[in-house]
Amino acid sequence: DLCSGTGCIGISLKKTLPLLDVYL
């Protein structure tokens, strides 16, 4: 998640699909 800001995109993806490896 590039230019993450609050992290709303990357964190929401991780919460919805926990098996993802997410970097903010």
PDBML (XML) file of the C-alpha atoms, coordinates in Angstrom:
<?xml version="1.0" encoding="UTF-8" ?>
<PDBx:datablock datablockName="MODEL"
   xmlns:PDBx="http://pdbml.pdb.org/schema/pdbx-v50.xsd"
   xmlns:xsi="http://www.w3.org/2001/XMLSchema-instance"
   xsi:schemaLocation="http://pdbml.pdb.org/schema/pdbx-v50.xsd pdbx-v50.xsd">
   <PDBx:atom_siteCategory>
      <PDBx:atom_site id="1">
         <PDBx:B_iso_or_equiv>0.00</PDBx:B_iso_or_equiv>
         <PDBx:Cartn_x>0.000</PDBx:Cartn_x>
         <PDBx:Cartn_y>0.000</PDBx:Cartn_y>
         <PDBx:Cartn_z>0.000</PDBx:Cartn_z>
         <PDBx:auth_asym_id>A</PDBx:auth_asym_id>
         <PDBx:auth_atom_id>CA</PDBx:auth_atom_id>
         <PDBx:auth_comp_id>ASP</PDBx:auth_comp_id>
         <PDBx:auth_seq_id>1</PDBx:auth_seq_id>
         <PDBx:group_PDB>ATOM</PDBx:group_PDB>
         <PDBx:label_alt_id xsi:nil="true" />
         <PDBx:label_asym_id>A</PDBx:label_asym_id>
         <PDBx:label_atom_id>CA</PDBx:label_atom_id>
         <PDBx:label_comp_id>ASP</PDBx:label_comp_id>
         <PDBx:label_entity_id>1</PDBx:label_entity_id>
         <PDBx:label_seq_id>1</PDBx:label_seq_id>
         <PDBx:occupancy>1.00</PDBx:occupancy>
         <PDBx:pdbx_PDB_model_num>1</PDBx:pdbx_PDB_model_num>
         <PDBx:type_symbol>C</PDBx:type_symbol>
      </PDBx:atom_site>
      <PDBx:atom_site id="2">
         <PDBx:B_iso_or_equiv>0.00</PDBx:B_iso_or_equiv>
         <PDBx:Cartn_x>1.989</PDBx:Cartn_x>
         <PDBx:Cartn_y>2.964</PDBx:Cartn_y>
         <PDBx:Cartn_z>-1.314</PDBx:Cartn_z>
         <PDBx:auth_asym_id>A</PDBx:auth_asym_id>
         <PDBx:auth_atom_id>CA</PDBx:auth_atom_id>
         <PDBx:auth_comp_id>LEU</PDBx:auth_comp_id>
         <PDBx:auth_seq_id>2</PDBx:auth_seq_id>
         <PDBx:group_PDB>ATOM</PDBx:group_PDB>
         <PDBx:label_alt_id xsi:nil="true" />
         <PDBx:label_asym_id>A</PDBx:label_asym_id>
         <PDBx:label_atom_id>CA</PDBx:label_atom_id>
         <PDBx:label_comp_id>LEU</PDBx:label_comp_id>
         <PDBx:label_entity_id>1</PDBx:label_entity_id>
         <PDBx:label_seq_id>2</PDBx:label_seq_id>
         <PDBx:occupancy>1.00</PDBx:occupancy>
         <PDBx:pdbx_PDB_model_num>1</PDBx:pdbx_PDB_model_num>
         <PDBx:type_symbol>C</PDBx:type_symbol>
      </PDBx:atom_site>
      <PDBx:atom_site id="3">
         <PDBx:B_iso_or_equiv>0.00</PDBx:B_iso_or_equiv>
         <PDBx:Cartn_x>1.332</PDBx:Cartn_x>
         <PDBx:Cartn_y>6.495</PDBx:Cartn_y>
         <PDBx:Cartn_z>-0.021</PDBx:Cartn_z>
         <PDBx:auth_asym_id>A</PDBx:auth_asym_id>
         <PDBx:auth_atom_id>CA</PDBx:auth_atom_id>
         <PDBx:auth_comp_id>CYS</PDBx:auth_comp_id>
         <PDBx:auth_seq_id>3</PDBx:auth_seq_id>
         <PDBx:group_PDB>ATOM</PDBx:group_PDB>
         <PDBx:label_alt_id xsi:nil="true" />
         <PDBx:label_asym_id>A</PDBx:label_asym_id>
         <PDBx:label_atom_id>CA</PDBx:label_atom_id>
         <PDBx:label_comp_id>CYS</PDBx:label_comp_id>
         <PDBx:label_entity_id>1</PDBx:label_entity_id>
         <PDBx:label_seq_id>3</PDBx:label_seq_id>
         <PDBx:occupancy>1.00</PDBx:occupancy>
         <PDBx:pdbx_PDB_model_num>1</PDBx:pdbx_PDB_model_num>
         <PDBx:type_symbol>C</PDBx:type_symbol>
      </PDBx:atom_site>
      <PDBx:atom_site id="4">
         <PDBx:B_iso_or_equiv>0.00</PDBx:B_iso_or_equiv>
         <PDBx:Cartn_x>-0.552</PDBx:Cartn_x>
         <PDBx:Cartn_y>4.836</PDBx:Cartn_y>
         <PDBx:Cartn_z>2.829</PDBx:Cartn_z>
         <PDBx:auth_asym_id>A</PDBx:auth_asym_id>
         <PDBx:auth_atom_id>CA</PDBx:auth_atom_id>
         <PDBx:auth_comp_id>SER</PDBx:auth_comp_id>
         <PDBx:auth_seq_id>4</PDBx:auth_seq_id>
         <PDBx:group_PDB>ATOM</PDBx:group_PDB>
         <PDBx:label_alt_id xsi:nil="true" />
         <PDBx:label_asym_id>A</PDBx:label_asym_id>
         <PDBx:label_atom_id>CA</PDBx:label_atom_id>
         <PDBx:label_comp_id>SER</PDBx:label_comp_id>
         <PDBx:label_entity_id>1</PDBx:label_entity_id>
         <PDBx:label_seq_id>4</PDBx:label_seq_id>
         <PDBx:occupancy>1.00</PDBx:occupancy>
         <PDBx:pdbx_PDB_model_num>1</PDBx:pdbx_PDB_model_num>
         <PDBx:type_symbol>C</PDBx:type_symbol>
      </PDBx:atom_site>
      <PDBx:atom_site id="5">
         <PDBx:B_iso_or_equiv>0.00</PDBx:B_iso_or_equiv>
         <PDBx:Cartn_x>-1.668</PDBx:Cartn_x>
         <PDBx:Cartn_y>7.882</PDBx:Cartn_y>
         <PDBx:Cartn_z>4.827</PDBx:Cartn_z>
         <PDBx:auth_asym_id>A</PDBx:auth_asym_id>
         <PDBx:auth_atom_id>CA</PDBx:auth_atom_id>
         <PDBx:auth_comp_id>GLY</PDBx:auth_comp_id>
         <PDBx:auth_seq_id>5</PDBx:auth_seq_id>
         <PDBx:group_PDB>ATOM</PDBx:group_PDB>
         <PDBx:label_alt_id xsi:nil="true" />
         <PDBx:label_asym_id>A</PDBx:label_asym_id>
         <PDBx:label_atom_id>CA</PDBx:label_atom_id>
         <PDBx:label_comp_id>GLY</PDBx:label_comp_id>
         <PDBx:label_entity_id>1</PDBx:label_entity_id>
         <PDBx:label_seq_id>5</PDBx:label_seq_id>
         <PDBx:occupancy>1.00</PDBx:occupancy>
         <PDBx:pdbx_PDB_model_num>1</PDBx:pdbx_PDB_model_num>
         <PDBx:type_symbol>C</PDBx:type_symbol>
      </PDBx:atom_site>
      <PDBx:atom_site id="6">
         <PDBx:B_iso_or_equiv>0.00</PDBx:B_iso_or_equiv>
         <PDBx:Cartn_x>-3.858</PDBx:Cartn_x>
         <PDBx:Cartn_y>6.555</PDBx:Cartn_y>
         <PDBx:Cartn_z>7.646</PDBx:Cartn_z>
         <PDBx:auth_asym_id>A</PDBx:auth_asym_id>
         <PDBx:auth_atom_id>CA</PDBx:auth_atom_id>
         <PDBx:auth_comp_id>THR</PDBx:auth_comp_id>
         <PDBx:auth_seq_id>6</PDBx:auth_seq_id>
         <PDBx:group_PDB>ATOM</PDBx:group_PDB>
         <PDBx:label_alt_id xsi:nil="true" />
         <PDBx:label_asym_id>A</PDBx:label_asym_id>
         <PDBx:label_atom_id>CA</PDBx:label_atom_id>
         <PDBx:label_comp_id>THR</PDBx:label_comp_id>
         <PDBx:label_entity_id>1</PDBx:label_entity_id>
         <PDBx:label_seq_id>6</PDBx:label_seq_id>
         <PDBx:occupancy>1.00</PDBx:occupancy>
         <PDBx:pdbx_PDB_model_num>1</PDBx:pdbx_PDB_model_num>
         <PDBx:type_symbol>C</PDBx:type_symbol>
      </PDBx:atom_site>
      <PDBx:atom_site id="7">
         <PDBx:B_iso_or_equiv>0.00</PDBx:B_iso_or_equiv>
         <PDBx:Cartn_x>-3.232</PDBx:Cartn_x>
         <PDBx:Cartn_y>3.023</PDBx:Cartn_y>
         <PDBx:Cartn_z>6.394</PDBx:Cartn_z>
         <PDBx:auth_asym_id>A</PDBx:auth_asym_id>
         <PDBx:auth_atom_id>CA</PDBx:auth_atom_id>
         <PDBx:auth_comp_id>GLY</PDBx:auth_comp_id>
         <PDBx:auth_seq_id>7</PDBx:auth_seq_id>
         <PDBx:group_PDB>ATOM</PDBx:group_PDB>
         <PDBx:label_alt_id xsi:nil="true" />
         <PDBx:label_asym_id>A</PDBx:label_asym_id>
         <PDBx:label_atom_id>CA</PDBx:label_atom_id>
         <PDBx:label_comp_id>GLY</PDBx:label_comp_id>
         <PDBx:label_entity_id>1</PDBx:label_entity_id>
         <PDBx:label_seq_id>7</PDBx:label_seq_id>
         <PDBx:occupancy>1.00</PDBx:occupancy>
         <PDBx:pdbx_PDB_model_num>1</PDBx:pdbx_PDB_model_num>
         <PDBx:type_symbol>C</PDBx:type_symbol>
      </PDBx:atom_site>
      <PDBx:atom_site id="8">
         <PDBx:B_iso_or_equiv>0.00</PDBx:B_iso_or_equiv>
         <PDBx:Cartn_x>-6.928</PDBx:Cartn_x>
         <PDBx:Cartn_y>2.637</PDBx:Cartn_y>
         <PDBx:Cartn_z>5.634</PDBx:Cartn_z>
         <PDBx:auth_asym_id>A</PDBx:auth_asym_id>
         <PDBx:auth_atom_id>CA</PDBx:auth_atom_id>
         <PDBx:auth_comp_id>CYS</PDBx:auth_comp_id>
         <PDBx:auth_seq_id>8</PDBx:auth_seq_id>
         <PDBx:group_PDB>ATOM</PDBx:group_PDB>
         <PDBx:label_alt_id xsi:nil="true" />
         <PDBx:label_asym_id>A</PDBx:label_asym_id>
         <PDBx:label_atom_id>CA</PDBx:label_atom_id>
         <PDBx:label_comp_id>CYS</PDBx:label_comp_id>
         <PDBx:label_entity_id>1</PDBx:label_entity_id>
         <PDBx:label_seq_id>8</PDBx:label_seq_id>
         <PDBx:occupancy>1.00</PDBx:occupancy>
         <PDBx:pdbx_PDB_model_num>1</PDBx:pdbx_PDB_model_num>
         <PDBx:type_symbol>C</PDBx:type_symbol>
      </PDBx:atom_site>
      <PDBx:atom_site id="9">
         <PDBx:B_iso_or_equiv>0.00</PDBx:B_iso_or_equiv>
         <PDBx:Cartn_x>-6.400</PDBx:Cartn_x>
         <PDBx:Cartn_y>0.683</PDBx:Cartn_y>
         <PDBx:Cartn_z>2.409</PDBx:Cartn_z>
         <PDBx:auth_asym_id>A</PDBx:auth_asym_id>
         <PDBx:auth_atom_id>CA</PDBx:auth_atom_id>
         <PDBx:auth_comp_id>ILE</PDBx:auth_comp_id>
         <PDBx:auth_seq_id>9</PDBx:auth_seq_id>
         <PDBx:group_PDB>ATOM</PDBx:group_PDB>
         <PDBx:label_alt_id xsi:nil="true" />
         <PDBx:label_asym_id>A</PDBx:label_asym_id>
         <PDBx:label_atom_id>CA</PDBx:label_atom_id>
         <PDBx:label_comp_id>ILE</PDBx:label_comp_id>
         <PDBx:label_entity_id>1</PDBx:label_entity_id>
         <PDBx:label_seq_id>9</PDBx:label_seq_id>
         <PDBx:occupancy>1.00</PDBx:occupancy>
         <PDBx:pdbx_PDB_model_num>1</PDBx:pdbx_PDB_model_num>
         <PDBx:type_symbol>C</PDBx:type_symbol>
      </PDBx:atom_site>
      <PDBx:atom_site id="10">
         <PDBx:B_iso_or_equiv>0.00</PDBx:B_iso_or_equiv>
         <PDBx:Cartn_x>-3.704</PDBx:Cartn_x>
         <PDBx:Cartn_y>-1.742</PDBx:Cartn_y>
         <PDBx:Cartn_z>3.477</PDBx:Cartn_z>
         <PDBx:auth_asym_id>A</PDBx:auth_asym_id>
         <PDBx:auth_atom_id>CA</PDBx:auth_atom_id>
         <PDBx:auth_comp_id>GLY</PDBx:auth_comp_id>
         <PDBx:auth_seq_id>10</PDBx:auth_seq_id>
         <PDBx:group_PDB>ATOM</PDBx:group_PDB>
         <PDBx:label_alt_id xsi:nil="true" />
         <PDBx:label_asym_id>A</PDBx:label_asym_id>
         <PDBx:label_atom_id>CA</PDBx:label_atom_id>
         <PDBx:label_comp_id>GLY</PDBx:label_comp_id>
         <PDBx:label_entity_id>1</PDBx:label_entity_id>
         <PDBx:label_seq_id>10</PDBx:label_seq_id>
         <PDBx:occupancy>1.00</PDBx:occupancy>
         <PDBx:pdbx_PDB_model_num>1</PDBx:pdbx_PDB_model_num>
         <PDBx:type_symbol>C</PDBx:type_symbol>
      </PDBx:atom_site>
      <PDBx:atom_site id="11">
         <PDBx:B_iso_or_equiv>0.00</PDBx:B_iso_or_equiv>
         <PDBx:Cartn_x>-5.083</PDBx:Cartn_x>
         <PDBx:Cartn_y>-2.329</PDBx:Cartn_y>
         <PDBx:Cartn_z>6.966</PDBx:Cartn_z>
         <PDBx:auth_asym_id>A</PDBx:auth_asym_id>
         <PDBx:auth_atom_id>CA</PDBx:auth_atom_id>
         <PDBx:auth_comp_id>ILE</PDBx:auth_comp_id>
         <PDBx:auth_seq_id>11</PDBx:auth_seq_id>
         <PDBx:group_PDB>ATOM</PDBx:group_PDB>
         <PDBx:label_alt_id xsi:nil="true" />
         <PDBx:label_asym_id>A</PDBx:label_asym_id>
         <PDBx:label_atom_id>CA</PDBx:label_atom_id>
         <PDBx:label_comp_id>ILE</PDBx:label_comp_id>
         <PDBx:label_entity_id>1</PDBx:label_entity_id>
         <PDBx:label_seq_id>11</PDBx:label_seq_id>
         <PDBx:occupancy>1.00</PDBx:occupancy>
         <PDBx:pdbx_PDB_model_num>1</PDBx:pdbx_PDB_model_num>
         <PDBx:type_symbol>C</PDBx:type_symbol>
      </PDBx:atom_site>
      <PDBx:atom_site id="12">
         <PDBx:B_iso_or_equiv>0.00</PDBx:B_iso_or_equiv>
         <PDBx:Cartn_x>-8.601</PDBx:Cartn_x>
         <PDBx:Cartn_y>-2.919</PDBx:Cartn_y>
         <PDBx:Cartn_z>5.621</PDBx:Cartn_z>
         <PDBx:auth_asym_id>A</PDBx:auth_asym_id>
         <PDBx:auth_atom_id>CA</PDBx:auth_atom_id>
         <PDBx:auth_comp_id>SER</PDBx:auth_comp_id>
         <PDBx:auth_seq_id>12</PDBx:auth_seq_id>
         <PDBx:group_PDB>ATOM</PDBx:group_PDB>
         <PDBx:label_alt_id xsi:nil="true" />
         <PDBx:label_asym_id>A</PDBx:label_asym_id>
         <PDBx:label_atom_id>CA</PDBx:label_atom_id>
         <PDBx:label_comp_id>SER</PDBx:label_comp_id>
         <PDBx:label_entity_id>1</PDBx:label_entity_id>
         <PDBx:label_seq_id>12</PDBx:label_seq_id>
         <PDBx:occupancy>1.00</PDBx:occupancy>
         <PDBx:pdbx_PDB_model_num>1</PDBx:pdbx_PDB_model_num>
         <PDBx:type_symbol>C</PDBx:type_symbol>
      </PDBx:atom_site>
      <PDBx:atom_site id="13">
         <PDBx:B_iso_or_equiv>0.00</PDBx:B_iso_or_equiv>
         <PDBx:Cartn_x>-7.232</PDBx:Cartn_x>
         <PDBx:Cartn_y>-5.446</PDBx:Cartn_y>
         <PDBx:Cartn_z>3.138</PDBx:Cartn_z>
         <PDBx:auth_asym_id>A</PDBx:auth_asym_id>
         <PDBx:auth_atom_id>CA</PDBx:auth_atom_id>
         <PDBx:auth_comp_id>LEU</PDBx:auth_comp_id>
         <PDBx:auth_seq_id>13</PDBx:auth_seq_id>
         <PDBx:group_PDB>ATOM</PDBx:group_PDB>
         <PDBx:label_alt_id xsi:nil="true" />
         <PDBx:label_asym_id>A</PDBx:label_asym_id>
         <PDBx:label_atom_id>CA</PDBx:label_atom_id>
         <PDBx:label_comp_id>LEU</PDBx:label_comp_id>
         <PDBx:label_entity_id>1</PDBx:label_entity_id>
         <PDBx:label_seq_id>13</PDBx:label_seq_id>
         <PDBx:occupancy>1.00</PDBx:occupancy>
         <PDBx:pdbx_PDB_model_num>1</PDBx:pdbx_PDB_model_num>
         <PDBx:type_symbol>C</PDBx:type_symbol>
      </PDBx:atom_site>
      <PDBx:atom_site id="14">
         <PDBx:B_iso_or_equiv>0.00</PDBx:B_iso_or_equiv>
         <PDBx:Cartn_x>-5.351</PDBx:Cartn_x>
         <PDBx:Cartn_y>-7.238</PDBx:Cartn_y>
         <PDBx:Cartn_z>5.910</PDBx:Cartn_z>
         <PDBx:auth_asym_id>A</PDBx:auth_asym_id>
         <PDBx:auth_atom_id>CA</PDBx:auth_atom_id>
         <PDBx:auth_comp_id>LYS</PDBx:auth_comp_id>
         <PDBx:auth_seq_id>14</PDBx:auth_seq_id>
         <PDBx:group_PDB>ATOM</PDBx:group_PDB>
         <PDBx:label_alt_id xsi:nil="true" />
         <PDBx:label_asym_id>A</PDBx:label_asym_id>
         <PDBx:label_atom_id>CA</PDBx:label_atom_id>
         <PDBx:label_comp_id>LYS</PDBx:label_comp_id>
         <PDBx:label_entity_id>1</PDBx:label_entity_id>
         <PDBx:label_seq_id>14</PDBx:label_seq_id>
         <PDBx:occupancy>1.00</PDBx:occupancy>
         <PDBx:pdbx_PDB_model_num>1</PDBx:pdbx_PDB_model_num>
         <PDBx:type_symbol>C</PDBx:type_symbol>
      </PDBx:atom_site>
      <PDBx:atom_site id="15">
         <PDBx:B_iso_or_equiv>0.00</PDBx:B_iso_or_equiv>
         <PDBx:Cartn_x>-8.380</PDBx:Cartn_x>
         <PDBx:Cartn_y>-7.276</PDBx:Cartn_y>
         <PDBx:Cartn_z>8.227</PDBx:Cartn_z>
         <PDBx:auth_asym_id>A</PDBx:auth_asym_id>
         <PDBx:auth_atom_id>CA</PDBx:auth_atom_id>
         <PDBx:auth_comp_id>LYS</PDBx:auth_comp_id>
         <PDBx:auth_seq_id>15</PDBx:auth_seq_id>
         <PDBx:group_PDB>ATOM</PDBx:group_PDB>
         <PDBx:label_alt_id xsi:nil="true" />
         <PDBx:label_asym_id>A</PDBx:label_asym_id>
         <PDBx:label_atom_id>CA</PDBx:label_atom_id>
         <PDBx:label_comp_id>LYS</PDBx:label_comp_id>
         <PDBx:label_entity_id>1</PDBx:label_entity_id>
         <PDBx:label_seq_id>15</PDBx:label_seq_id>
         <PDBx:occupancy>1.00</PDBx:occupancy>
         <PDBx:pdbx_PDB_model_num>1</PDBx:pdbx_PDB_model_num>
         <PDBx:type_symbol>C</PDBx:type_symbol>
      </PDBx:atom_site>
      <PDBx:atom_site id="16">
         <PDBx:B_iso_or_equiv>0.00</PDBx:B_iso_or_equiv>
         <PDBx:Cartn_x>-10.582</PDBx:Cartn_x>
         <PDBx:Cartn_y>-8.620</PDBx:Cartn_y>
         <PDBx:Cartn_z>5.434</PDBx:Cartn_z>
         <PDBx:auth_asym_id>A</PDBx:auth_asym_id>
         <PDBx:auth_atom_id>CA</PDBx:auth_atom_id>
         <PDBx:auth_comp_id>THR</PDBx:auth_comp_id>
         <PDBx:auth_seq_id>16</PDBx:auth_seq_id>
         <PDBx:group_PDB>ATOM</PDBx:group_PDB>
         <PDBx:label_alt_id xsi:nil="true" />
         <PDBx:label_asym_id>A</PDBx:label_asym_id>
         <PDBx:label_atom_id>CA</PDBx:label_atom_id>
         <PDBx:label_comp_id>THR</PDBx:label_comp_id>
         <PDBx:label_entity_id>1</PDBx:label_entity_id>
         <PDBx:label_seq_id>16</PDBx:label_seq_id>
         <PDBx:occupancy>1.00</PDBx:occupancy>
         <PDBx:pdbx_PDB_model_num>1</PDBx:pdbx_PDB_model_num>
         <PDBx:type_symbol>C</PDBx:type_symbol>
      </PDBx:atom_site>
      <PDBx:atom_site id="17">
         <PDBx:B_iso_or_equiv>0.00</PDBx:B_iso_or_equiv>
         <PDBx:Cartn_x>-8.068</PDBx:Cartn_x>
         <PDBx:Cartn_y>-11.149</PDBx:Cartn_y>
         <PDBx:Cartn_z>4.072</PDBx:Cartn_z>
         <PDBx:auth_asym_id>A</PDBx:auth_asym_id>
         <PDBx:auth_atom_id>CA</PDBx:auth_atom_id>
         <PDBx:auth_comp_id>LEU</PDBx:auth_comp_id>
         <PDBx:auth_seq_id>17</PDBx:auth_seq_id>
         <PDBx:group_PDB>ATOM</PDBx:group_PDB>
         <PDBx:label_alt_id xsi:nil="true" />
         <PDBx:label_asym_id>A</PDBx:label_asym_id>
         <PDBx:label_atom_id>CA</PDBx:label_atom_id>
         <PDBx:label_comp_id>LEU</PDBx:label_comp_id>
         <PDBx:label_entity_id>1</PDBx:label_entity_id>
         <PDBx:label_seq_id>17</PDBx:label_seq_id>
         <PDBx:occupancy>1.00</PDBx:occupancy>
         <PDBx:pdbx_PDB_model_num>1</PDBx:pdbx_PDB_model_num>
         <PDBx:type_symbol>C</PDBx:type_symbol>
      </PDBx:atom_site>
      <PDBx:atom_site id="18">
         <PDBx:B_iso_or_equiv>0.00</PDBx:B_iso_or_equiv>
         <PDBx:Cartn_x>-5.722</PDBx:Cartn_x>
         <PDBx:Cartn_y>-12.044</PDBx:Cartn_y>
         <PDBx:Cartn_z>6.959</PDBx:Cartn_z>
         <PDBx:auth_asym_id>A</PDBx:auth_asym_id>
         <PDBx:auth_atom_id>CA</PDBx:auth_atom_id>
         <PDBx:auth_comp_id>PRO</PDBx:auth_comp_id>
         <PDBx:auth_seq_id>18</PDBx:auth_seq_id>
         <PDBx:group_PDB>ATOM</PDBx:group_PDB>
         <PDBx:label_alt_id xsi:nil="true" />
         <PDBx:label_asym_id>A</PDBx:label_asym_id>
         <PDBx:label_atom_id>CA</PDBx:label_atom_id>
         <PDBx:label_comp_id>PRO</PDBx:label_comp_id>
         <PDBx:label_entity_id>1</PDBx:label_entity_id>
         <PDBx:label_seq_id>18</PDBx:label_seq_id>
         <PDBx:occupancy>1.00</PDBx:occupancy>
         <PDBx:pdbx_PDB_model_num>1</PDBx:pdbx_PDB_model_num>
         <PDBx:type_symbol>C</PDBx:type_symbol>
      </PDBx:atom_site>
      <PDBx:atom_site id="19">
         <PDBx:B_iso_or_equiv>0.00</PDBx:B_iso_or_equiv>
         <PDBx:Cartn_x>-3.491</PDBx:Cartn_x>
         <PDBx:Cartn_y>-14.308</PDBx:Cartn_y>
         <PDBx:Cartn_z>4.833</PDBx:Cartn_z>
         <PDBx:auth_asym_id>A</PDBx:auth_asym_id>
         <PDBx:auth_atom_id>CA</PDBx:auth_atom_id>
         <PDBx:auth_comp_id>LEU</PDBx:auth_comp_id>
         <PDBx:auth_seq_id>19</PDBx:auth_seq_id>
         <PDBx:group_PDB>ATOM</PDBx:group_PDB>
         <PDBx:label_alt_id xsi:nil="true" />
         <PDBx:label_asym_id>A</PDBx:label_asym_id>
         <PDBx:label_atom_id>CA</PDBx:label_atom_id>
         <PDBx:label_comp_id>LEU</PDBx:label_comp_id>
         <PDBx:label_entity_id>1</PDBx:label_entity_id>
         <PDBx:label_seq_id>19</PDBx:label_seq_id>
         <PDBx:occupancy>1.00</PDBx:occupancy>
         <PDBx:pdbx_PDB_model_num>1</PDBx:pdbx_PDB_model_num>
         <PDBx:type_symbol>C</PDBx:type_symbol>
      </PDBx:atom_site>
      <PDBx:atom_site id="20">
         <PDBx:B_iso_or_equiv>0.00</PDBx:B_iso_or_equiv>
         <PDBx:Cartn_x>-2.194</PDBx:Cartn_x>
         <PDBx:Cartn_y>-11.335</PDBx:Cartn_y>
         <PDBx:Cartn_z>2.855</PDBx:Cartn_z>
         <PDBx:auth_asym_id>A</PDBx:auth_asym_id>
         <PDBx:auth_atom_id>CA</PDBx:auth_atom_id>
         <PDBx:auth_comp_id>LEU</PDBx:auth_comp_id>
         <PDBx:auth_seq_id>20</PDBx:auth_seq_id>
         <PDBx:group_PDB>ATOM</PDBx:group_PDB>
         <PDBx:label_alt_id xsi:nil="true" />
         <PDBx:label_asym_id>A</PDBx:label_asym_id>
         <PDBx:label_atom_id>CA</PDBx:label_atom_id>
         <PDBx:label_comp_id>LEU</PDBx:label_comp_id>
         <PDBx:label_entity_id>1</PDBx:label_entity_id>
         <PDBx:label_seq_id>20</PDBx:label_seq_id>
         <PDBx:occupancy>1.00</PDBx:occupancy>
         <PDBx:pdbx_PDB_model_num>1</PDBx:pdbx_PDB_model_num>
         <PDBx:type_symbol>C</PDBx:type_symbol>
      </PDBx:atom_site>
      <PDBx:atom_site id="21">
         <PDBx:B_iso_or_equiv>0.00</PDBx:B_iso_or_equiv>
         <PDBx:Cartn_x>1.312</PDBx:Cartn_x>
         <PDBx:Cartn_y>-10.058</PDBx:Cartn_y>
         <PDBx:Cartn_z>3.620</PDBx:Cartn_z>
         <PDBx:auth_asym_id>A</PDBx:auth_asym_id>
         <PDBx:auth_atom_id>CA</PDBx:auth_atom_id>
         <PDBx:auth_comp_id>ASP</PDBx:auth_comp_id>
         <PDBx:auth_seq_id>21</PDBx:auth_seq_id>
         <PDBx:group_PDB>ATOM</PDBx:group_PDB>
         <PDBx:label_alt_id xsi:nil="true" />
         <PDBx:label_asym_id>A</PDBx:label_asym_id>
         <PDBx:label_atom_id>CA</PDBx:label_atom_id>
         <PDBx:label_comp_id>ASP</PDBx:label_comp_id>
         <PDBx:label_entity_id>1</PDBx:label_entity_id>
         <PDBx:label_seq_id>21</PDBx:label_seq_id>
         <PDBx:occupancy>1.00</PDBx:occupancy>
         <PDBx:pdbx_PDB_model_num>1</PDBx:pdbx_PDB_model_num>
         <PDBx:type_symbol>C</PDBx:type_symbol>
      </PDBx:atom_site>
      <PDBx:atom_site id="22">
         <PDBx:B_iso_or_equiv>0.00</PDBx:B_iso_or_equiv>
         <PDBx:Cartn_x>0.765</PDBx:Cartn_x>
         <PDBx:Cartn_y>-6.295</PDBx:Cartn_y>
         <PDBx:Cartn_z>3.666</PDBx:Cartn_z>
         <PDBx:auth_asym_id>A</PDBx:auth_asym_id>
         <PDBx:auth_atom_id>CA</PDBx:auth_atom_id>
         <PDBx:auth_comp_id>VAL</PDBx:auth_comp_id>
         <PDBx:auth_seq_id>22</PDBx:auth_seq_id>
         <PDBx:group_PDB>ATOM</PDBx:group_PDB>
         <PDBx:label_alt_id xsi:nil="true" />
         <PDBx:label_asym_id>A</PDBx:label_asym_id>
         <PDBx:label_atom_id>CA</PDBx:label_atom_id>
         <PDBx:label_comp_id>VAL</PDBx:label_comp_id>
         <PDBx:label_entity_id>1</PDBx:label_entity_id>
         <PDBx:label_seq_id>22</PDBx:label_seq_id>
         <PDBx:occupancy>1.00</PDBx:occupancy>
         <PDBx:pdbx_PDB_model_num>1</PDBx:pdbx_PDB_model_num>
         <PDBx:type_symbol>C</PDBx:type_symbol>
      </PDBx:atom_site>
      <PDBx:atom_site id="23">
         <PDBx:B_iso_or_equiv>0.00</PDBx:B_iso_or_equiv>
         <PDBx:Cartn_x>3.404</PDBx:Cartn_x>
         <PDBx:Cartn_y>-3.551</PDBx:Cartn_y>
         <PDBx:Cartn_z>3.741</PDBx:Cartn_z>
         <PDBx:auth_asym_id>A</PDBx:auth_asym_id>
         <PDBx:auth_atom_id>CA</PDBx:auth_atom_id>
         <PDBx:auth_comp_id>TYR</PDBx:auth_comp_id>
         <PDBx:auth_seq_id>23</PDBx:auth_seq_id>
         <PDBx:group_PDB>ATOM</PDBx:group_PDB>
         <PDBx:label_alt_id xsi:nil="true" />
         <PDBx:label_asym_id>A</PDBx:label_asym_id>
         <PDBx:label_atom_id>CA</PDBx:label_atom_id>
         <PDBx:label_comp_id>TYR</PDBx:label_comp_id>
         <PDBx:label_entity_id>1</PDBx:label_entity_id>
         <PDBx:label_seq_id>23</PDBx:label_seq_id>
         <PDBx:occupancy>1.00</PDBx:occupancy>
         <PDBx:pdbx_PDB_model_num>1</PDBx:pdbx_PDB_model_num>
         <PDBx:type_symbol>C</PDBx:type_symbol>
      </PDBx:atom_site>
      <PDBx:atom_site id="24">
         <PDBx:B_iso_or_equiv>0.00</PDBx:B_iso_or_equiv>
         <PDBx:Cartn_x>2.505</PDBx:Cartn_x>
         <PDBx:Cartn_y>0.108</PDBx:Cartn_y>
         <PDBx:Cartn_z>4.282</PDBx:Cartn_z>
         <PDBx:auth_asym_id>A</PDBx:auth_asym_id>
         <PDBx:auth_atom_id>CA</PDBx:auth_atom_id>
         <PDBx:auth_comp_id>LEU</PDBx:auth_comp_id>
         <PDBx:auth_seq_id>24</PDBx:auth_seq_id>
         <PDBx:group_PDB>ATOM</PDBx:group_PDB>
         <PDBx:label_alt_id xsi:nil="true" />
         <PDBx:label_asym_id>A</PDBx:label_asym_id>
         <PDBx:label_atom_id>CA</PDBx:label_atom_id>
         <PDBx:label_comp_id>LEU</PDBx:label_comp_id>
         <PDBx:label_entity_id>1</PDBx:label_entity_id>
         <PDBx:label_seq_id>24</PDBx:label_seq_id>
         <PDBx:occupancy>1.00</PDBx:occupancy>
         <PDBx:pdbx_PDB_model_num>1</PDBx:pdbx_PDB_model_num>
         <PDBx:type_symbol>C</PDBx:type_symbol>
      </PDBx:atom_site>
   </PDBx:atom_siteCategory>
</PDBx:datablock>
